[in-house]
Amino acid sequence: MRASDLLLPLLLLSAVMTAEEPAVRLPPPMPPDCPHHQVMQTMPPTWVGSEQIAMVVYPGMTALDLTGPQYMFAGLMGAQVHLVAESLIPVMTDTGVIITPTKTFETCPRDLDILFVPGGSRGTVEAAKDPRVLAFLRDRGSRAKLVTSVCTGSMVLGAAGLLEGYQATSHWVTRDLLTRFGAVPVDARVVVDRNRITGAGVSAGIDLGVLIVRRLRDEEYAKAMCLLAEYAPEPPVVAGTPAQAGPVTTKIMSDMCVGLREAFLTVPTPGRP
């Protein structure tokens, strides 16, 4: 079976199976003689799961840190993706996009397949100091099958004590600061260490999402999701790492981020001097 044969049924079935609220408008059911319906009947049983996925949202987070992996997680047939915050009040991201939580820390499922934390700048520093955020992460992270983050979200995981002894990555500006939390910084797009999966800055969230989709389903499923998203990056400017950007651009950005690094240095390190 070709990946292209699976795109529409994959999207439709995922939308139907993951909807939490009956008020959501869903696509009309496909008739039994519909070719897409017939394709779905031949899908491997391992392609439909029942994962519970919690993606933490907080004021000032970076929207793309969340929406990149969320797109991939939402395509997992049978999975439920929860956007979790302290309350159900809409959250303003650092780029002005407003995200509406679907669960609170109290109503989020206790046992999770994936716990995910996005990053950001000043808002992430505040989240890494928030005892309610940290208590939630420690509780759910102690049982979650996968504990994951993108960008400076790994700093929040570190502040919660969830990266002690693990290899991890973060945005290049803060990656070395992971040592404060007992983690081993790795310069890589996505780092997997046992059940900890961390992504580098912002756009790496899509790569992290694809990797997790492949891990929970299989290669063909992940290929179908990539094709559905037309995920074939060809950036008009190749400057996504300090090495690619060169010393001049890197120094400009590093100088701009001095205050942010200093702010992250004020985040308490649990159980460490």
Protein backbone atom coordinates (compact mmCIF):
# COMPACT_ATOMS: atom_id res chain seq x y z
CA MET A 1 0.00 0.00 0.00
CA ARG A 2 1.32 3.42 -0.93
CA ALA A 3 1.52 6.21 1.64
CA SER A 4 -0.43 8.47 -0.73
CA ASP A 5 -3.40 6.07 -0.59
CA LEU A 6 -3.69 6.63 3.15
CA LEU A 7 -3.67 10.41 3.46
CA LEU A 8 -7.36 11.31 3.35
CA PRO A 9 -8.63 8.35 5.40
CA LEU A 10 -5.83 8.90 7.88
CA LEU A 11 -6.85 12.50 8.41
CA LEU A 12 -10.59 11.81 8.55
CA LEU A 13 -10.37 8.82 10.86
CA SER A 14 -7.99 10.61 13.19
CA ALA A 15 -10.37 13.58 13.41
CA VAL A 16 -13.29 11.31 14.28
CA MET A 17 -11.44 9.16 16.80
CA THR A 18 -9.66 11.94 18.70
CA ALA A 19 -12.53 14.39 19.15
CA GLU A 20 -13.25 14.96 22.85
CA GLU A 21 -16.26 17.25 22.64
CA PRO A 22 -19.49 16.32 20.86
CA ALA A 23 -19.90 19.96 19.80
CA VAL A 24 -16.99 19.63 17.38
CA ARG A 25 -18.17 19.46 13.76
CA LEU A 26 -16.89 16.25 12.23
CA PRO A 27 -16.75 15.10 8.60
CA PRO A 28 -19.80 13.07 7.49
CA PRO A 29 -19.33 9.29 7.75
CA MET A 30 -17.99 7.60 4.65
CA PRO A 31 -20.34 5.16 2.88
CA PRO A 32 -19.26 1.49 2.92
CA ASP A 33 -18.58 1.53 -0.83
CA CYS A 34 -16.29 4.58 -0.59
CA PRO A 35 -12.72 3.71 -1.71
CA HIS A 36 -11.30 5.47 1.35
CA HIS A 37 -13.52 3.38 3.62
CA GLN A 38 -12.22 0.25 1.92
CA VAL A 39 -8.62 1.40 2.38
CA MET A 40 -9.22 1.88 6.11
CA GLN A 41 -10.47 -1.67 6.41
CA THR A 42 -7.06 -2.89 5.26
CA MET A 43 -5.04 -0.76 7.68
CA PRO A 44 -2.85 -2.70 10.11
CA PRO A 45 -4.45 -2.93 13.57
CA THR A 46 -1.28 -1.43 15.04
CA TRP A 47 -2.09 1.84 13.30
CA VAL A 48 -4.88 2.63 15.74
CA GLY A 49 -3.84 3.30 19.32
CA SER A 50 -5.32 4.82 22.45
CA GLU A 51 -2.57 7.19 23.57
CA GLN A 52 -3.18 9.94 26.09
CA ILE A 53 -1.02 12.94 25.20
CA ALA A 54 -0.66 16.05 27.38
CA MET A 55 0.90 19.18 25.88
CA VAL A 56 1.49 21.86 28.49
CA VAL A 57 0.60 25.44 27.52
CA TYR A 58 1.52 28.60 29.42
CA PRO A 59 1.65 32.37 28.79
CA GLY A 60 4.58 33.49 26.66
CA MET A 61 5.42 30.10 25.15
CA THR A 62 6.43 29.97 21.48
CA ALA A 63 3.45 28.93 19.35
CA LEU A 64 5.44 26.90 16.81
CA ASP A 65 7.08 24.89 19.59
CA LEU A 66 3.60 23.55 20.29
CA THR A 67 1.87 23.46 16.91
CA GLY A 68 4.61 21.61 15.03
CA PRO A 69 4.53 18.44 17.17
CA GLN A 70 0.81 18.89 17.88
CA TYR A 71 0.10 18.47 14.16
CA MET A 72 1.93 15.15 14.16
CA PHE A 73 0.43 13.93 17.45
CA ALA A 74 -3.08 14.83 16.25
CA GLY A 75 -2.57 12.52 13.28
CA LEU A 76 -2.14 9.48 15.52
CA MET A 77 -5.37 7.55 15.01
CA GLY A 78 -7.06 6.79 18.32
CA ALA A 79 -4.88 9.15 20.36
CA GLN A 80 -6.28 11.99 22.45
CA VAL A 81 -4.25 15.19 22.56
CA HIS A 82 -4.89 17.43 25.57
CA LEU A 83 -3.73 21.05 25.76
CA VAL A 84 -3.14 21.41 29.49
CA ALA A 85 -2.82 24.55 31.60
CA GLU A 86 -3.52 25.76 35.11
CA SER A 87 -6.98 26.88 33.97
CA LEU A 88 -9.09 26.90 30.82
CA ILE A 89 -8.46 30.61 30.24
CA PRO A 90 -7.00 31.16 26.74
CA VAL A 91 -3.21 31.55 26.71
CA MET A 92 -1.34 34.22 24.76
CA THR A 93 1.86 32.99 23.12
CA ASP A 94 4.95 35.12 22.52
CA THR A 95 3.95 35.74 18.90
CA GLY A 96 0.37 36.77 19.70
CA VAL A 97 -1.33 33.48 18.80
CA ILE A 98 -3.95 32.53 21.39
CA ILE A 99 -4.21 28.89 22.47
CA THR A 100 -7.27 27.57 24.30
CA PRO A 101 -6.51 24.81 26.84
CA THR A 102 -8.73 21.73 26.83
CA LYS A 103 -7.73 20.34 30.25
CA THR A 104 -6.49 21.75 33.54
CA PHE A 105 -3.71 20.32 35.69
CA GLU A 106 -6.42 18.73 37.81
CA THR A 107 -8.51 17.24 34.99
CA CYS A 108 -5.65 15.99 32.83
CA PRO A 109 -5.42 12.17 32.75
CA ARG A 110 -3.08 10.85 35.43
CA ASP A 111 -1.38 8.25 33.26
CA LEU A 112 0.06 9.58 30.03
CA ASP A 113 1.74 8.11 27.02
CA ILE A 114 3.37 11.44 26.14
CA LEU A 115 4.06 14.46 28.32
CA PHE A 116 5.25 17.45 26.26
CA VAL A 117 6.55 20.92 27.16
CA PRO A 118 7.10 23.70 24.61
CA GLY A 119 9.70 26.43 25.04
CA GLY A 120 9.89 30.18 24.69
CA SER A 121 11.74 33.04 26.32
CA ARG A 122 10.65 35.06 29.37
CA GLY A 123 7.39 33.13 29.66
CA THR A 124 9.37 29.90 29.84
CA VAL A 125 11.55 31.28 32.62
CA GLU A 126 8.39 32.01 34.60
CA ALA A 127 6.98 28.54 33.87
CA ALA A 128 10.24 26.99 35.10
CA LYS A 129 9.77 28.82 38.40
CA ASP A 130 6.04 28.17 38.78
CA PRO A 131 5.47 25.59 41.57
CA ARG A 132 2.12 24.56 40.06
CA VAL A 133 3.66 23.83 36.65
CA LEU A 134 6.57 21.96 38.24
CA ALA A 135 4.31 19.92 40.54
CA PHE A 136 2.19 18.86 37.57
CA LEU A 137 5.26 17.87 35.54
CA ARG A 138 6.79 15.90 38.41
CA ASP A 139 3.56 14.00 38.99
CA ARG A 140 2.69 13.15 35.39
CA GLY A 141 6.33 12.79 34.38
CA SER A 142 6.90 10.13 37.03
CA ARG A 143 4.51 7.82 35.16
CA ALA A 144 4.52 9.04 31.53
CA LYS A 145 5.84 6.61 28.95
CA LEU A 146 7.56 9.44 27.07
CA VAL A 147 8.70 12.76 28.58
CA THR A 148 9.37 15.25 25.80
CA SER A 149 10.10 18.89 25.02
CA VAL A 150 11.08 21.30 22.28
CA CYS A 151 13.42 24.27 22.49
CA THR A 152 13.75 25.74 26.00
CA GLY A 153 10.96 23.47 27.16
CA SER A 154 13.80 21.21 28.28
CA MET A 155 14.75 23.89 30.81
CA VAL A 156 11.31 23.48 32.39
CA LEU A 157 11.72 19.69 32.45
CA GLY A 158 15.11 20.23 34.07
CA ALA A 159 13.65 22.55 36.70
CA ALA A 160 11.12 19.81 37.51
CA GLY A 161 13.96 17.34 38.05
CA LEU A 162 13.05 15.21 35.05
CA LEU A 163 16.35 15.38 33.14
CA GLU A 164 18.83 14.40 35.87
CA GLY A 165 21.27 11.92 34.30
CA TYR A 166 19.74 12.14 30.81
CA GLN A 167 21.19 13.36 27.54
CA ALA A 168 19.11 16.23 26.20
CA THR A 169 19.08 19.22 23.90
CA SER A 170 17.56 22.68 23.84
CA HIS A 171 17.74 25.89 21.83
CA TRP A 172 21.39 26.59 20.98
CA VAL A 173 21.30 29.72 23.15
CA THR A 174 20.55 27.73 26.32
CA ARG A 175 21.71 24.19 25.56
CA ASP A 176 24.82 24.36 27.76
CA LEU A 177 22.70 25.50 30.73
CA LEU A 178 21.15 22.02 30.90
CA THR A 179 24.15 20.97 33.00
CA ARG A 180 22.64 22.99 35.86
CA PHE A 181 19.88 20.38 36.04
CA GLY A 182 22.16 17.36 35.86
CA ALA A 183 21.50 16.73 32.16
CA VAL A 184 24.14 16.03 29.51
CA PRO A 185 23.80 18.58 26.67
CA VAL A 186 23.94 17.18 23.14
CA ASP A 187 24.21 19.29 19.98
CA ALA A 188 21.59 17.53 17.88
CA ARG A 189 18.24 18.23 16.26
CA VAL A 190 16.46 15.60 18.37
CA VAL A 191 17.97 13.64 21.27
CA VAL A 192 16.55 10.33 22.50
CA ASP A 193 17.74 8.95 25.83
CA ARG A 194 15.57 6.12 27.07
CA ASN A 195 12.09 7.63 27.49
CA ARG A 196 13.29 11.24 27.31
CA ILE A 197 12.98 12.86 23.87
CA THR A 198 14.05 16.48 23.51
CA GLY A 199 14.13 18.72 20.45
CA ALA A 200 16.34 21.68 19.64
CA GLY A 201 14.99 25.13 18.83
CA VAL A 202 11.45 25.83 17.60
CA SER A 203 11.28 24.17 14.15
CA ALA A 204 12.85 20.97 15.52
CA GLY A 205 9.44 20.22 17.00
CA ILE A 206 8.26 18.89 13.66
CA ASP A 207 11.20 16.47 13.53
CA LEU A 208 10.45 15.39 17.10
CA GLY A 209 6.82 14.81 16.17
CA VAL A 210 7.71 12.68 13.15
CA LEU A 211 10.16 10.61 15.21
CA ILE A 212 7.53 9.91 17.86
CA VAL A 213 4.88 9.04 15.25
CA ARG A 214 7.27 6.50 13.75
CA ARG A 215 8.08 5.12 17.20
CA LEU A 216 4.40 4.68 18.14
CA ARG A 217 3.20 3.42 14.73
CA ASP A 218 5.72 2.54 12.00
CA GLU A 219 7.78 3.91 9.12
CA GLU A 220 4.93 3.90 6.59
CA TYR A 221 2.60 5.76 8.96
CA ALA A 222 5.27 8.41 9.57
CA LYS A 223 5.83 8.73 5.81
CA ALA A 224 2.10 9.26 5.31
CA MET A 225 2.08 12.05 7.90
CA CYS A 226 5.10 13.72 6.29
CA LEU A 227 3.45 13.52 2.88
CA LEU A 228 0.20 14.92 4.25
CA ALA A 229 2.14 17.87 5.68
CA GLU A 230 4.36 18.15 2.56
CA TYR A 231 7.24 18.12 5.01
CA ALA A 232 10.20 18.54 2.65
CA PRO A 233 12.08 21.61 3.93
CA GLU A 234 14.01 23.71 1.41
CA PRO A 235 14.76 26.93 3.33
CA PRO A 236 15.61 29.90 1.09
CA VAL A 237 18.22 30.88 3.69
CA VAL A 238 20.28 28.10 5.28
CA ALA A 239 21.17 29.54 8.69
CA GLY A 240 19.40 27.39 11.25
CA THR A 241 22.47 26.65 13.35
CA PRO A 242 25.37 28.84 14.50
CA ALA A 243 27.67 26.97 12.13
CA GLN A 244 25.36 27.63 9.18
CA ALA A 245 24.64 31.24 10.14
CA GLY A 246 28.29 32.16 10.57
CA PRO A 247 30.08 34.17 13.28
CA VAL A 248 28.64 37.61 12.48
CA THR A 249 24.97 36.61 12.66
CA THR A 250 25.61 34.29 15.60
CA LYS A 251 27.27 37.07 17.60
CA ILE A 252 24.36 39.44 16.92
CA MET A 253 21.84 36.89 18.13
CA SER A 254 24.00 35.79 21.07
CA ASP A 255 24.31 39.40 22.24
CA MET A 256 20.54 39.83 21.96
CA CYS A 257 19.99 36.75 24.12
CA VAL A 258 22.38 37.61 26.97
CA GLY A 259 19.48 38.77 29.14
CA LEU A 260 17.54 35.59 28.45
CA ARG A 261 20.48 33.40 29.47
CA GLU A 262 20.85 35.41 32.66
CA ALA A 263 17.14 34.95 33.36
CA PHE A 264 17.40 31.17 32.96
CA LEU A 265 20.32 31.19 35.39
CA THR A 266 17.88 32.36 38.06
CA VAL A 267 15.76 29.20 37.70
CA PRO A 268 16.20 27.04 40.83
CA THR A 269 17.86 23.67 40.37
CA PRO A 270 16.04 20.99 42.41
CA GLY A 271 18.32 19.21 44.85
CA ARG A 272 21.48 20.72 43.36
CA PRO A 273 23.80 23.48 44.67
